[in-house]
C-alpha atoms as a PDB file:
ATOM      1  CA  MET A   1       0.943 169.773  27.333  1.00  0.00           C
ATOM      2  CA  ASN A   2      -0.901 172.138  29.812  1.00  0.00           C
ATOM      3  CA  VAL A   3       1.038 175.061  31.416  1.00  0.00           C
ATOM      4  CA  LEU A   4       0.097 177.757  33.985  1.00  0.00           C
ATOM      5  CA  GLY A   5       0.719 181.124  31.879  1.00  0.00           C
ATOM      6  CA  ILE A   6       1.360 184.068  34.247  1.00  0.00           C
ATOM      7  CA  ASP A   7       1.652 187.647  32.805  1.00  0.00           C
ATOM      8  CA  ILE A   8       3.210 190.239  35.300  1.00  0.00           C
ATOM      9  CA  GLY A   9       2.107 193.711  34.463  1.00  0.00           C
ATOM     10  CA  GLY A  10       2.674 197.116  36.103  1.00  0.00           C
ATOM     11  CA  SER A  11      -1.032 197.217  37.431  1.00  0.00           C
ATOM     12  CA  GLY A  12      -1.899 193.547  37.511  1.00  0.00           C
ATOM     13  CA  ILE A  13      -0.769 190.038  37.619  1.00  0.00           C
ATOM     14  CA  LYS A  14      -2.982 187.421  35.651  1.00  0.00           C
ATOM     15  CA  GLY A  15      -2.738 183.786  34.991  1.00  0.00           C
ATOM     16  CA  ALA A  16      -4.668 180.758  33.603  1.00  0.00           C
ATOM     17  CA  PRO A  17      -3.938 177.175  32.566  1.00  0.00           C
ATOM     18  CA  ILE A  18      -3.133 177.100  28.859  1.00  0.00           C
ATOM     19  CA  ASP A  19      -3.321 174.241  26.216  1.00  0.00           C
ATOM     20  CA  THR A  20       0.010 174.852  24.634  1.00  0.00           C
ATOM     21  CA  ASN A  21      -1.055 172.868  21.584  1.00  0.00           C
ATOM     22  CA  THR A  22      -3.872 175.040  20.781  1.00  0.00           C
ATOM     23  CA  GLY A  23      -3.202 178.283  22.714  1.00  0.00           C
ATOM     24  CA  GLU A  24      -6.613 178.086  24.402  1.00  0.00           C
ATOM     25  CA  LEU A  25      -7.308 179.128  27.940  1.00  0.00           C
ATOM     26  CA  LEU A  26      -8.626 176.002  30.019  1.00  0.00           C
ATOM     27  CA  ALA A  27     -10.157 178.094  32.658  1.00  0.00           C
ATOM     28  CA  GLU A  28     -11.229 181.617  33.308  1.00  0.00           C
ATOM     29  CA  ARG A  29      -8.219 183.868  34.064  1.00  0.00           C
ATOM     30  CA  CYS A  30      -7.402 185.016  37.597  1.00  0.00           C
ATOM     31  CA  ARG A  31      -6.195 188.606  38.022  1.00  0.00           C
ATOM     32  CA  ILE A  32      -4.689 190.068  41.151  1.00  0.00           C
ATOM     33  CA  ALA A  33      -3.482 193.668  41.498  1.00  0.00           C
ATOM     34  CA  THR A  34       0.290 193.944  41.320  1.00  0.00           C
ATOM     35  CA  PRO A  35       1.644 194.719  44.923  1.00  0.00           C
ATOM     36  CA  ASP A  36       2.864 198.077  45.746  1.00  0.00           C
ATOM     37  CA  PRO A  37       5.777 198.084  46.076  1.00  0.00           C
ATOM     38  CA  SER A  38       6.251 195.433  43.384  1.00  0.00           C
ATOM     39  CA  ALA A  39       9.379 193.895  45.048  1.00  0.00           C
ATOM     40  CA  PRO A  40      10.406 190.258  44.239  1.00  0.00           C
ATOM     41  CA  ASP A  41       8.828 188.328  47.319  1.00  0.00           C
ATOM     42  CA  PRO A  42       5.497 190.092  47.206  1.00  0.00           C
ATOM     43  CA  VAL A  43       5.075 189.606  43.370  1.00  0.00           C
ATOM     44  CA  ALA A  44       6.199 185.823  43.761  1.00  0.00           C
ATOM     45  CA  GLU A  45       3.471 185.505  46.595  1.00  0.00           C
ATOM     46  CA  VAL A  46       0.785 186.713  44.244  1.00  0.00           C
ATOM     47  CA  ILE A  47       2.045 184.098  41.576  1.00  0.00           C
ATOM     48  CA  ALA A  48       1.687 181.474  44.311  1.00  0.00           C
ATOM     49  CA  GLN A  49      -1.772 182.738  45.031  1.00  0.00           C
ATOM     50  CA  ILE A  50      -2.848 182.303  41.495  1.00  0.00           C
ATOM     51  CA  ALA A  51      -1.207 178.837  41.246  1.00  0.00           C
ATOM     52  CA  SER A  52      -3.252 177.778  44.364  1.00  0.00           C
ATOM     53  CA  VAL A  53      -6.508 179.129  42.646  1.00  0.00           C
ATOM     54  CA  PHE A  54      -5.948 176.316  40.089  1.00  0.00           C
ATOM     55  CA  ASP A  55      -4.284 173.838  42.630  1.00  0.00           C
ATOM     56  CA  TRP A  56      -1.407 173.850  40.113  1.00  0.00           C
ATOM     57  CA  LYS A  57       1.617 171.584  40.448  1.00  0.00           C
ATOM     58  CA  ASP A  58       2.888 171.398  36.820  1.00  0.00           C
ATOM     59  CA  PRO A  59       5.238 173.840  34.846  1.00  0.00           C
ATOM     60  CA  ILE A  60       4.660 177.571  34.970  1.00  0.00           C
ATOM     61  CA  GLY A  61       5.543 180.091  32.379  1.00  0.00           C
ATOM     62  CA  CYS A  62       5.839 183.575  33.327  1.00  0.00           C
ATOM     63  CA  THR A  63       6.256 187.006  31.709  1.00  0.00           C
ATOM     64  CA  PHE A  64       8.361 189.793  33.153  1.00  0.00           C
ATOM     65  CA  PRO A  65       8.725 193.476  31.907  1.00  0.00           C
ATOM     66  CA  ALA A  66      12.500 193.286  31.919  1.00  0.00           C
ATOM     67  CA  VAL A  67      15.562 192.044  30.054  1.00  0.00           C
ATOM     68  CA  MET A  68      15.587 188.394  30.950  1.00  0.00           C
ATOM     69  CA  LYS A  69      18.420 186.156  30.478  1.00  0.00           C
ATOM     70  CA  HIS A  70      18.432 182.415  31.820  1.00  0.00           C
ATOM     71  CA  GLY A  71      15.641 183.524  34.237  1.00  0.00           C
ATOM     72  CA  VAL A  72      17.490 186.440  35.778  1.00  0.00           C
ATOM     73  CA  ALA A  73      16.186 189.943  35.478  1.00  0.00           C
ATOM     74  CA  HIS A  74      18.765 192.505  34.283  1.00  0.00           C
ATOM     75  CA  THR A  75      16.477 195.580  34.137  1.00  0.00           C
ATOM     76  CA  ALA A  76      13.101 196.559  35.842  1.00  0.00           C
ATOM     77  CA  ALA A  77      10.749 198.570  33.683  1.00  0.00           C
ATOM     78  CA  ASN A  78       7.664 199.646  35.675  1.00  0.00           C
ATOM     79  CA  VAL A  79       8.372 197.262  38.534  1.00  0.00           C
ATOM     80  CA  ASP A  80      10.485 197.538  41.772  1.00  0.00           C
ATOM     81  CA  LYS A  81      14.284 198.010  40.948  1.00  0.00           C
ATOM     82  CA  ARG A  82      15.131 195.292  43.685  1.00  0.00           C
ATOM     83  CA  TRP A  83      14.228 192.853  40.701  1.00  0.00           C
ATOM     84  CA  ILE A  84      17.526 193.626  39.103  1.00  0.00           C
ATOM     85  CA  GLY A  85      19.998 190.780  39.413  1.00  0.00           C
ATOM     86  CA  THR A  86      17.087 188.508  40.901  1.00  0.00           C
ATOM     87  CA  ASP A  87      16.721 184.940  39.494  1.00  0.00           C
ATOM     88  CA  ALA A  88      13.020 185.196  38.884  1.00  0.00           C
ATOM     89  CA  ALA A  89      12.513 181.612  37.779  1.00  0.00           C
ATOM     90  CA  LYS A  90      14.266 180.266  40.925  1.00  0.00           C
ATOM     91  CA  LEU A  91      12.361 182.616  43.162  1.00  0.00           C
ATOM     92  CA  ILE A  92       8.900 181.745  41.794  1.00  0.00           C
ATOM     93  CA  LYS A  93       9.758 178.011  41.872  1.00  0.00           C
ATOM     94  CA  GLN A  94      10.434 178.546  45.661  1.00  0.00           C
ATOM     95  CA  HIS A  95       7.118 180.021  46.237  1.00  0.00           C
ATOM     96  CA  THR A  96       5.104 177.797  43.999  1.00  0.00           C
ATOM     97  CA  GLY A  97       7.085 174.432  43.995  1.00  0.00           C
ATOM     98  CA  CYS A  98       6.753 174.344  40.237  1.00  0.00           C
ATOM     99  CA  GLU A  99       9.388 174.418  37.452  1.00  0.00           C
ATOM    100  CA  THR A 100       9.135 177.917  35.993  1.00  0.00           C
ATOM    101  CA  MET A 101      10.281 179.557  32.839  1.00  0.00           C
ATOM    102  CA  VAL A 102      10.458 183.449  32.804  1.00  0.00           C
ATOM    103  CA  LEU A 103      10.998 185.622  29.730  1.00  0.00           C
ATOM    104  CA  ASN A 104      10.391 189.149  28.656  1.00  0.00           C
ATOM    105  CA  ASP A 105       6.766 190.039  28.374  1.00  0.00           C
ATOM    106  CA  ALA A 106       6.641 191.331  24.847  1.00  0.00           C
ATOM    107  CA  ASP A 107       8.804 188.404  23.728  1.00  0.00           C
ATOM    108  CA  ALA A 108       6.203 186.041  25.253  1.00  0.00           C
ATOM    109  CA  ALA A 109       3.324 187.972  23.503  1.00  0.00           C
ATOM    110  CA  GLY A 110       5.130 187.662  20.261  1.00  0.00           C
ATOM    111  CA  LEU A 111       5.668 183.964  20.506  1.00  0.00           C
ATOM    112  CA  ALA A 112       1.996 183.522  21.049  1.00  0.00           C
ATOM    113  CA  GLU A 113       1.126 185.633  17.950  1.00  0.00           C
ATOM    114  CA  MET A 114       3.677 183.745  15.821  1.00  0.00           C
ATOM    115  CA  GLU A 115       2.304 180.419  16.913  1.00  0.00           C
ATOM    116  CA  PHE A 116      -1.369 180.953  17.419  1.00  0.00           C
ATOM    117  CA  GLY A 117      -2.238 184.487  16.130  1.00  0.00           C
ATOM    118  CA  VAL A 118      -1.919 186.752  13.152  1.00  0.00           C
ATOM    119  CA  GLY A 119       1.870 185.937  12.725  1.00  0.00           C
ATOM    120  CA  LYS A 120       1.203 182.357  12.168  1.00  0.00           C
ATOM    121  CA  ASP A 121       1.495 182.307   8.459  1.00  0.00           C
ATOM    122  CA  ASN A 122       3.827 185.266   8.133  1.00  0.00           C
ATOM    123  CA  ASN A 123       7.587 185.324   7.390  1.00  0.00           C
ATOM    124  CA  GLY A 124       9.954 188.342   6.990  1.00  0.00           C
ATOM    125  CA  VAL A 125      10.436 190.968   9.498  1.00  0.00           C
ATOM    126  CA  ILE A 126       7.675 191.167  12.033  1.00  0.00           C
ATOM    127  CA  ILE A 127       7.552 193.585  15.032  1.00  0.00           C
ATOM    128  CA  MET A 128       5.115 192.909  17.850  1.00  0.00           C
ATOM    129  CA  LEU A 129       4.176 195.895  20.066  1.00  0.00           C
ATOM    130  CA  THR A 130       2.285 195.727  23.344  1.00  0.00           C
ATOM    131  CA  PHE A 131       0.820 199.009  24.628  1.00  0.00           C
ATOM    132  CA  GLY A 132      -0.044 198.962  28.274  1.00  0.00           C
ATOM    133  CA  THR A 133       1.797 200.365  31.317  1.00  0.00           C
ATOM    134  CA  GLY A 134       4.840 200.695  29.041  1.00  0.00           C
ATOM    135  CA  ILE A 135       5.482 199.581  25.463  1.00  0.00           C
ATOM    136  CA  GLY A 136       6.907 196.224  24.879  1.00  0.00           C
ATOM    137  CA  THR A 137       8.534 195.009  21.582  1.00  0.00           C
ATOM    138  CA  ALA A 138       9.528 191.894  20.099  1.00  0.00           C
ATOM    139  CA  ILE A 139      11.232 191.644  16.689  1.00  0.00           C
ATOM    140  CA  PHE A 140      11.083 188.324  14.518  1.00  0.00           C
ATOM    141  CA  VAL A 141      13.137 187.635  11.427  1.00  0.00           C
ATOM    142  CA  ASN A 142      11.958 184.748   9.436  1.00  0.00           C
ATOM    143  CA  ARG A 143      10.054 183.545  12.520  1.00  0.00           C
ATOM    144  CA  GLN A 144      13.362 183.712  14.747  1.00  0.00           C
ATOM    145  CA  LEU A 145      12.961 186.041  17.867  1.00  0.00           C
ATOM    146  CA  LEU A 146      15.609 188.625  18.675  1.00  0.00           C
ATOM    147  CA  PRO A 147      15.040 188.753  22.443  1.00  0.00           C
ATOM    148  CA  ASN A 148      15.029 191.588  24.719  1.00  0.00           C
ATOM    149  CA  THR A 149      14.842 194.355  22.260  1.00  0.00           C
ATOM    150  CA  GLU A 150      13.192 196.818  24.813  1.00  0.00           C
ATOM    151  CA  LEU A 151      12.435 199.536  22.043  1.00  0.00           C
ATOM    152  CA  GLY A 152       9.859 201.015  24.117  1.00  0.00           C
ATOM    153  CA  HIS A 153      12.697 202.931  25.890  1.00  0.00           C
ATOM    154  CA  MET A 154      14.166 204.495  22.623  1.00  0.00           C
ATOM    155  CA  GLU A 155      14.089 208.345  22.608  1.00  0.00           C
ATOM    156  CA  LEU A 156      10.956 209.980  20.950  1.00  0.00           C
ATOM    157  CA  CYS A 157      10.122 213.649  21.319  1.00  0.00           C
ATOM    158  CA  SER A 158      12.901 214.078  23.873  1.00  0.00           C
ATOM    159  CA  MET A 159      11.563 211.282  26.169  1.00  0.00           C
ATOM    160  CA  GLU A 160      11.188 207.651  26.366  1.00  0.00           C
ATOM    161  CA  GLY A 161       8.833 206.150  23.707  1.00  0.00           C
ATOM    162  CA  GLU A 162       6.691 204.561  26.400  1.00  0.00           C
ATOM    163  CA  HIS A 163       6.509 207.912  28.289  1.00  0.00           C
ATOM    164  CA  TYR A 164       5.115 209.434  25.150  1.00  0.00           C
ATOM    165  CA  ALA A 165       2.674 206.834  23.864  1.00  0.00           C
ATOM    166  CA  SER A 166       2.013 204.084  26.185  1.00  0.00           C
ATOM    167  CA  ASP A 167      -1.676 203.178  27.111  1.00  0.00           C
ATOM    168  CA  ALA A 168      -0.890 204.230  30.689  1.00  0.00           C
ATOM    169  CA  VAL A 169       0.071 207.715  29.286  1.00  0.00           C
ATOM    170  CA  ARG A 170      -3.250 207.898  27.425  1.00  0.00           C
ATOM    171  CA  LYS A 171      -5.195 207.326  30.691  1.00  0.00           C
ATOM    172  CA  LYS A 172      -3.011 209.493  32.896  1.00  0.00           C
ATOM    173  CA  GLU A 173      -3.041 212.480  30.463  1.00  0.00           C
ATOM    174  CA  ASP A 174      -6.711 211.914  29.707  1.00  0.00           C
ATOM    175  CA  LEU A 175      -5.917 211.821  25.830  1.00  0.00           C
ATOM    176  CA  SER A 176      -8.638 211.245  23.334  1.00  0.00           C
ATOM    177  CA  TRP A 177      -8.301 207.986  21.217  1.00  0.00           C
ATOM    178  CA  GLU A 178      -7.510 210.368  18.350  1.00  0.00           C
ATOM    179  CA  GLN A 179      -4.796 212.247  20.248  1.00  0.00           C
ATOM    180  CA  TRP A 180      -3.194 208.889  21.567  1.00  0.00           C
ATOM    181  CA  GLY A 181      -3.531 207.333  18.093  1.00  0.00           C
ATOM    182  CA  GLU A 182      -1.433 210.114  16.586  1.00  0.00           C
ATOM    183  CA  ARG A 183       1.223 209.705  19.261  1.00  0.00           C
ATOM    184  CA  ALA A 184       1.208 205.831  18.765  1.00  0.00           C
ATOM    185  CA  ASN A 185       1.384 206.475  14.932  1.00  0.00           C
ATOM    186  CA  LYS A 186       4.508 208.650  15.362  1.00  0.00           C
ATOM    187  CA  TYR A 187       6.256 205.826  17.581  1.00  0.00           C
ATOM    188  CA  ILE A 188       5.196 203.068  15.122  1.00  0.00           C
ATOM    189  CA  GLN A 189       6.403 205.321  12.129  1.00  0.00           C
ATOM    190  CA  THR A 190       9.836 205.819  13.758  1.00  0.00           C
ATOM    191  CA  LEU A 191      10.263 201.929  14.046  1.00  0.00           C
ATOM    192  CA  ASP A 192       9.030 201.577  10.484  1.00  0.00           C
ATOM    193  CA  ALA A 193      11.712 203.821   9.237  1.00  0.00           C
ATOM    194  CA  LEU A 194      14.544 202.082  11.376  1.00  0.00           C
ATOM    195  CA  PHE A 195      13.626 198.336  10.672  1.00  0.00           C
ATOM    196  CA  TRP A 196      11.525 198.397   7.485  1.00  0.00           C
ATOM    197  CA  PRO A 197       9.210 195.588   8.921  1.00  0.00           C
ATOM    198  CA  ASP A 198       6.704 193.610   6.810  1.00  0.00           C
ATOM    199  CA  LEU A 199       4.107 193.565   9.615  1.00  0.00           C
ATOM    200  CA  PHE A 200       3.292 195.277  12.894  1.00  0.00           C
ATOM    201  CA  ILE A 201       1.111 193.353  15.375  1.00  0.00           C
ATOM    202  CA  ILE A 202      -0.459 195.607  17.922  1.00  0.00           C
ATOM    203  CA  GLY A 203      -1.132 193.983  21.336  1.00  0.00           C
ATOM    204  CA  GLY A 204      -1.681 194.867  24.986  1.00  0.00           C
ATOM    205  CA  GLY A 205      -4.615 196.362  26.482  1.00  0.00           C
ATOM    206  CA  VAL A 206      -5.445 198.531  23.491  1.00  0.00           C
ATOM    207  CA  ALA A 207      -5.844 195.379  21.349  1.00  0.00           C
ATOM    208  CA  ASN A 208      -9.475 194.975  22.877  1.00  0.00           C
ATOM    209  CA  LYS A 209     -10.468 198.319  21.266  1.00  0.00           C
ATOM    210  CA  PRO A 210      -8.992 198.513  17.725  1.00  0.00           C
ATOM    211  CA  ASP A 211     -11.850 200.573  16.212  1.00  0.00           C
ATOM    212  CA  LYS A 212     -10.906 203.314  18.654  1.00  0.00           C
ATOM    213  CA  PHE A 213      -7.357 204.002  17.157  1.00  0.00           C
ATOM    214  CA  VAL A 214      -6.436 201.867  14.053  1.00  0.00           C
ATOM    215  CA  LYS A 215      -7.855 204.690  11.795  1.00  0.00           C
ATOM    216  CA  TYR A 216      -5.251 206.936  13.115  1.00  0.00           C
ATOM    217  CA  LEU A 217      -2.345 204.685  12.113  1.00  0.00           C
ATOM    218  CA  SER A 218      -0.631 205.030   8.811  1.00  0.00           C
ATOM    219  CA  THR A 219       2.666 203.136   7.959  1.00  0.00           C
ATOM    220  CA  ARG A 220       4.294 201.511   5.025  1.00  0.00           C
ATOM    221  CA  ALA A 221       4.158 198.181   6.720  1.00  0.00           C
ATOM    222  CA  GLU A 222       0.954 196.230   7.255  1.00  0.00           C
ATOM    223  CA  ILE A 223      -0.687 196.555  10.570  1.00  0.00           C
ATOM    224  CA  ALA A 224      -2.593 193.926  12.433  1.00  0.00           C
ATOM    225  CA  ILE A 225      -4.368 193.598  15.833  1.00  0.00           C
ATOM    226  CA  ALA A 226      -3.162 190.713  17.926  1.00  0.00           C
ATOM    227  CA  GLY A 227      -5.196 187.571  17.494  1.00  0.00           C
ATOM    228  CA  CYS A 228      -4.525 186.458  21.158  1.00  0.00           C
ATOM    229  CA  LYS A 229      -5.592 189.902  22.371  1.00  0.00           C
ATOM    230  CA  ASN A 230      -4.577 190.811  25.849  1.00  0.00           C
ATOM    231  CA  GLU A 231      -4.016 187.093  26.713  1.00  0.00           C
ATOM    232  CA  ALA A 232      -0.962 186.826  24.301  1.00  0.00           C
ATOM    233  CA  GLY A 233       1.522 187.256  27.220  1.00  0.00           C
ATOM    234  CA  MET A 234       0.062 184.367  29.284  1.00  0.00           C
ATOM    235  CA  ILE A 235      -0.110 182.123  26.214  1.00  0.00           C
ATOM    236  CA  GLY A 236       3.363 182.881  24.966  1.00  0.00           C
ATOM    237  CA  ALA A 237       4.877 182.384  28.508  1.00  0.00           C
ATOM    238  CA  ALA A 238       3.115 178.922  28.615  1.00  0.00           C
ATOM    239  CA  LEU A 239       4.422 178.015  25.155  1.00  0.00           C
ATOM    240  CA  ALA A 240       7.918 179.053  26.178  1.00  0.00           C
ATOM    241  CA  ALA A 241       7.862 176.856  29.418  1.00  0.00           C
ATOM    242  CA  ARG A 242       6.629 173.905  27.166  1.00  0.00           C
ATOM    243  CA  LEU A 243       9.474 174.379  24.689  1.00  0.00           C
ATOM    244  CA  MET A 244      11.947 174.609  27.844  1.00  0.00           C
ATOM    245  CA  ALA A 245      10.558 171.329  29.117  1.00  0.00           C
ATOM    246  CA  GLU A 246      11.131 169.689  25.754  1.00  0.00           C
ATOM    247  CA  GLY A 247      14.642 171.042  25.454  1.00  0.00           C
ATOM    248  CA  LYS A 248      13.809 173.289  22.586  1.00  0.00           C
ATOM    249  CA  PRO A 249      14.933 176.896  22.187  1.00  0.00           C
ATOM    250  CA  THR A 250      12.447 179.716  22.201  1.00  0.00           C
ATOM    251  CA  THR A 251      14.527 181.868  20.093  1.00  0.00           C
END
């Protein structure tokens, strides 16, 4: 089954048709800057633009940087607060005419990695981390997802973790990769001490440059770079939409 995967980020919205049996992109992705302000209707309009690029009429799977329950946003990290309480799935369907599944962005990336990436043959406790505009987290226990963990907002060094170690902070503060790697390592070591995972999977924009920072990471758990790279969100969202269409749970 082919599904249009959409990944909503703080700086950009990207999408591509996905073969949900293989996780492969069927066309070059389309990326459009996230509207400012990133209110519900303008964002939904951008998604409709991306769908029109591919002349899309079939299901859409979409990530969103928030706690998502039954398609409704309950928080709004790094996007307009007017999303809180919005039925995102319904809104996107209104703009595109397509059945839509919306889930937390890190959860989507984690699903992609567990199905097609480095988590494919792994069990135990696995934590997916996405470093981008914020820090997204997804926890799997014996391949079952615990949704909406949002551990990027836990306190670290008297601030939210993502305000200390996100990729956006690296760029804003003009940190060297070594400086940022030390911050990311402190964040990861904190999770390591709290959850004792077997594996950390590192994704988000930084996954495209592992040679720049992996040497600064040192934890008890194994660390691996996301196999789906920065496309994991789109791929996982598409997979979630397929599972919804088949009446199967994503968690």
